[in-house]
C-alpha atoms as a PDB file:
ATOM      1  CA  MET A   1       0.001   0.075  -0.036  1.00  0.00           C
ATOM      2  CA  ASP A   2       1.088   3.494  -0.810  1.00  0.00           C
ATOM      3  CA  GLN A   3       2.063   5.056   2.618  1.00  0.00           C
ATOM      4  CA  GLY A   4       0.861   8.412   1.520  1.00  0.00           C
ATOM      5  CA  SER A   5      -2.717   7.270   1.375  1.00  0.00           C
ATOM      6  CA  LEU A   6      -2.761   5.475   4.681  1.00  0.00           C
ATOM      7  CA  LYS A   7      -4.032   6.621   8.103  1.00  0.00           C
ATOM      8  CA  PHE A   8      -1.987   6.032  11.156  1.00  0.00           C
ATOM      9  CA  THR A   9      -3.048   5.473  14.903  1.00  0.00           C
ATOM     10  CA  LYS A  10      -1.229   6.501  18.062  1.00  0.00           C
ATOM     11  CA  THR A  11      -0.945   2.754  18.876  1.00  0.00           C
ATOM     12  CA  HIS A  12       1.029   2.202  15.591  1.00  0.00           C
ATOM     13  CA  GLU A  13      -1.559   0.522  13.453  1.00  0.00           C
ATOM     14  CA  TRP A  14      -1.906   1.705   9.831  1.00  0.00           C
ATOM     15  CA  VAL A  15      -5.293   1.625   7.758  1.00  0.00           C
ATOM     16  CA  GLY A  16      -5.625   1.574   4.060  1.00  0.00           C
ATOM     17  CA  VAL A  17      -9.025   1.939   2.673  1.00  0.00           C
ATOM     18  CA  GLU A  18     -10.573   0.540  -0.482  1.00  0.00           C
ATOM     19  CA  GLY A  19     -14.301   1.111  -0.606  1.00  0.00           C
ATOM     20  CA  GLU A  20     -15.822  -0.152   2.676  1.00  0.00           C
ATOM     21  CA  ILE A  21     -12.919  -2.487   3.340  1.00  0.00           C
ATOM     22  CA  ALA A  22     -10.055  -1.347   5.669  1.00  0.00           C
ATOM     23  CA  THR A  23      -6.797  -3.135   5.627  1.00  0.00           C
ATOM     24  CA  VAL A  24      -5.008  -3.029   8.879  1.00  0.00           C
ATOM     25  CA  GLY A  25      -1.387  -3.671   9.809  1.00  0.00           C
ATOM     26  CA  ILE A  26       1.304  -2.352  12.096  1.00  0.00           C
ATOM     27  CA  THR A  27       3.840   0.202  11.226  1.00  0.00           C
ATOM     28  CA  ASP A  28       7.612  -0.315  10.739  1.00  0.00           C
ATOM     29  CA  PHE A  29       8.048   1.946  13.779  1.00  0.00           C
ATOM     30  CA  ALA A  30       6.144  -0.696  15.852  1.00  0.00           C
ATOM     31  CA  VAL A  31       8.017  -3.599  14.457  1.00  0.00           C
ATOM     32  CA  ASN A  32      11.418  -1.880  15.095  1.00  0.00           C
ATOM     33  CA  GLN A  33      10.372  -1.144  18.660  1.00  0.00           C
ATOM     34  CA  LEU A  34       9.343  -4.783  19.173  1.00  0.00           C
ATOM     35  CA  THR A  35      12.472  -6.260  17.482  1.00  0.00           C
ATOM     36  CA  ASP A  36      12.375 -10.062  16.834  1.00  0.00           C
ATOM     37  CA  LEU A  37       8.846 -11.155  16.365  1.00  0.00           C
ATOM     38  CA  VAL A  38       8.065 -14.730  17.387  1.00  0.00           C
ATOM     39  CA  TYR A  39       4.201 -14.899  17.455  1.00  0.00           C
ATOM     40  CA  ILE A  40       0.991 -13.321  16.066  1.00  0.00           C
ATOM     41  CA  GLU A  41      -2.573 -13.938  17.257  1.00  0.00           C
ATOM     42  CA  LEU A  42      -5.071 -12.951  14.508  1.00  0.00           C
ATOM     43  CA  PRO A  43      -8.631 -12.215  14.880  1.00  0.00           C
ATOM     44  CA  GLU A  44     -11.248 -14.685  13.513  1.00  0.00           C
ATOM     45  CA  VAL A  45     -12.835 -14.079  10.139  1.00  0.00           C
ATOM     46  CA  GLY A  46     -16.543 -13.174  10.775  1.00  0.00           C
ATOM     47  CA  SER A  47     -15.882 -11.679  14.216  1.00  0.00           C
ATOM     48  CA  SER A  48     -16.854  -8.060  14.851  1.00  0.00           C
ATOM     49  CA  TYR A  49     -14.855  -5.522  16.697  1.00  0.00           C
ATOM     50  CA  GLU A  50     -15.388  -2.051  17.980  1.00  0.00           C
ATOM     51  CA  ALA A  51     -12.719   0.669  17.247  1.00  0.00           C
ATOM     52  CA  GLY A  52      -9.994   0.833  19.936  1.00  0.00           C
ATOM     53  CA  LYS A  53     -10.693  -2.738  21.132  1.00  0.00           C
ATOM     54  CA  VAL A  54      -7.937  -5.485  21.094  1.00  0.00           C
ATOM     55  CA  PHE A  55      -8.339  -7.808  18.144  1.00  0.00           C
ATOM     56  CA  GLY A  56      -5.072  -9.753  18.502  1.00  0.00           C
ATOM     57  CA  GLU A  57      -1.512  -9.549  19.690  1.00  0.00           C
ATOM     58  CA  VAL A  58       2.025  -9.739  18.520  1.00  0.00           C
ATOM     59  CA  GLU A  59       4.680 -11.127  20.522  1.00  0.00           C
ATOM     60  CA  SER A  60       8.573 -10.545  20.285  1.00  0.00           C
ATOM     61  CA  VAL A  61      11.425 -11.865  22.277  1.00  0.00           C
ATOM     62  CA  LYS A  62      11.084  -8.887  24.647  1.00  0.00           C
ATOM     63  CA  ALA A  63       7.396  -8.063  24.873  1.00  0.00           C
ATOM     64  CA  VAL A  64       3.826  -8.782  23.950  1.00  0.00           C
ATOM     65  CA  SER A  65       1.838  -6.068  22.463  1.00  0.00           C
ATOM     66  CA  ASP A  66      -1.907  -5.965  21.900  1.00  0.00           C
ATOM     67  CA  LEU A  67      -3.213  -5.091  18.452  1.00  0.00           C
ATOM     68  CA  TYR A  68      -6.068  -2.547  18.400  1.00  0.00           C
ATOM     69  CA  SER A  69      -8.806  -2.405  15.813  1.00  0.00           C
ATOM     70  CA  PRO A  70      -8.671   1.238  14.380  1.00  0.00           C
ATOM     71  CA  VAL A  71     -12.314   0.894  13.026  1.00  0.00           C
ATOM     72  CA  SER A  72     -15.438  -0.754  13.998  1.00  0.00           C
ATOM     73  CA  GLY A  73     -16.654  -3.647  11.782  1.00  0.00           C
ATOM     74  CA  GLU A  74     -16.598  -7.192  10.738  1.00  0.00           C
ATOM     75  CA  ILE A  75     -13.318  -9.142  10.001  1.00  0.00           C
ATOM     76  CA  THR A  76     -13.381 -10.236   6.326  1.00  0.00           C
ATOM     77  CA  GLU A  77      -9.907 -11.645   6.056  1.00  0.00           C
ATOM     78  CA  ALA A  78      -6.938 -12.465   8.276  1.00  0.00           C
ATOM     79  CA  ASN A  79      -3.426 -12.913   6.957  1.00  0.00           C
ATOM     80  CA  SER A  80      -2.880 -16.477   8.156  1.00  0.00           C
ATOM     81  CA  ALA A  81       0.510 -16.702   6.519  1.00  0.00           C
ATOM     82  CA  LEU A  82       1.822 -14.505   9.300  1.00  0.00           C
ATOM     83  CA  VAL A  83       1.089 -17.226  11.941  1.00  0.00           C
ATOM     84  CA  ASP A  84       3.921 -19.442  10.562  1.00  0.00           C
ATOM     85  CA  ASP A  85       6.201 -16.567   9.381  1.00  0.00           C
ATOM     86  CA  GLN A  86       6.129 -13.080  11.018  1.00  0.00           C
ATOM     87  CA  SER A  87       8.966 -11.742   8.833  1.00  0.00           C
ATOM     88  CA  PRO A  88       6.582  -9.833   6.336  1.00  0.00           C
ATOM     89  CA  LEU A  89       5.681  -7.625   9.305  1.00  0.00           C
ATOM     90  CA  SER A  90       9.281  -6.326   9.391  1.00  0.00           C
ATOM     91  CA  ASP A  91      10.211  -6.906   5.783  1.00  0.00           C
ATOM     92  CA  ASP A  92       7.187  -5.449   4.111  1.00  0.00           C
ATOM     93  CA  PRO A  93       4.850  -3.885   6.883  1.00  0.00           C
ATOM     94  CA  PHE A  94       2.733  -1.968   4.443  1.00  0.00           C
ATOM     95  CA  GLY A  95       2.397  -4.764   1.897  1.00  0.00           C
ATOM     96  CA  ALA A  96       2.685  -8.472   2.635  1.00  0.00           C
ATOM     97  CA  GLY A  97       2.776  -7.823   6.291  1.00  0.00           C
ATOM     98  CA  TRP A  98      -0.842  -6.635   6.321  1.00  0.00           C
ATOM     99  CA  ILE A  99      -2.718  -8.311   9.261  1.00  0.00           C
ATOM    100  CA  THR A 100      -6.451  -8.123   8.751  1.00  0.00           C
ATOM    101  CA  LYS A 101      -9.197  -6.689   6.551  1.00  0.00           C
ATOM    102  CA  VAL A 102     -12.279  -5.219   8.171  1.00  0.00           C
ATOM    103  CA  LYS A 103     -15.709  -4.263   6.535  1.00  0.00           C
ATOM    104  CA  MET A 104     -16.209  -0.882   8.174  1.00  0.00           C
ATOM    105  CA  SER A 105     -19.397  -0.055   9.925  1.00  0.00           C
ATOM    106  CA  ASN A 106     -18.605   3.545  10.491  1.00  0.00           C
ATOM    107  CA  PRO A 107     -16.061   4.933   8.039  1.00  0.00           C
ATOM    108  CA  ALA A 108     -16.167   8.391   9.809  1.00  0.00           C
ATOM    109  CA  GLU A 109     -13.880   6.806  12.613  1.00  0.00           C
ATOM    110  CA  LEU A 110     -11.034   7.342  10.066  1.00  0.00           C
ATOM    111  CA  ASP A 111     -11.245  11.034  10.488  1.00  0.00           C
ATOM    112  CA  GLN A 112      -9.431  10.950  13.849  1.00  0.00           C
ATOM    113  CA  PHE A 113      -6.208   9.288  12.489  1.00  0.00           C
ATOM    114  CA  MET A 114      -2.886  10.852  11.310  1.00  0.00           C
ATOM    115  CA  ASN A 115      -1.679  11.149   7.918  1.00  0.00           C
ATOM    116  CA  ALA A 116       1.862   9.961   7.002  1.00  0.00           C
ATOM    117  CA  GLU A 117       3.562  13.223   7.830  1.00  0.00           C
ATOM    118  CA  GLU A 118       1.683  13.587  11.096  1.00  0.00           C
ATOM    119  CA  TYR A 119       2.561  10.110  12.040  1.00  0.00           C
ATOM    120  CA  ARG A 120       6.244  10.652  11.256  1.00  0.00           C
ATOM    121  CA  LYS A 121       6.284  13.639  13.656  1.00  0.00           C
ATOM    122  CA  PHE A 122       4.534  11.599  16.287  1.00  0.00           C
ATOM    123  CA  CYS A 123       7.077   8.787  16.044  1.00  0.00           C
ATOM    124  CA  GLU A 124       9.942  11.416  16.346  1.00  0.00           C
ATOM    125  CA  SER A 125       8.353  12.672  19.535  1.00  0.00           C
ATOM    126  CA  GLU A 126       7.891   9.071  20.908  1.00  0.00           C
ATOM    127  CA  ALA A 127      11.561   8.210  20.159  1.00  0.00           C
ATOM    128  CA  HIS A 128      12.913  10.975  22.422  1.00  0.00           C
END
């Protein structure tokens, strides 16, 4: 996905939108903070989540981090390839490393998120 068209959350998820489907992943900043990833728990296809609720987790050798659903809706796909191989999360976080796809029930929720430039500045402030 083109990073310029993505929306970013303060919990380091990214959202790309095509029609009513939001593709969700975690950013390279998040992956770099976690370092060596060893496990990911994905949401079940067909399950529904409210924005801001935990829908899975990613585990590294040093920490377990919750994954938060940036938007409300129903999970239409989960990237099951990540269960056996987490490397796309760090190698291609905005492409092959996508985590889930959500059929949004309230697209207006996207309005609260940062664009790529705002997110870059946010990460710079987090890193200090």
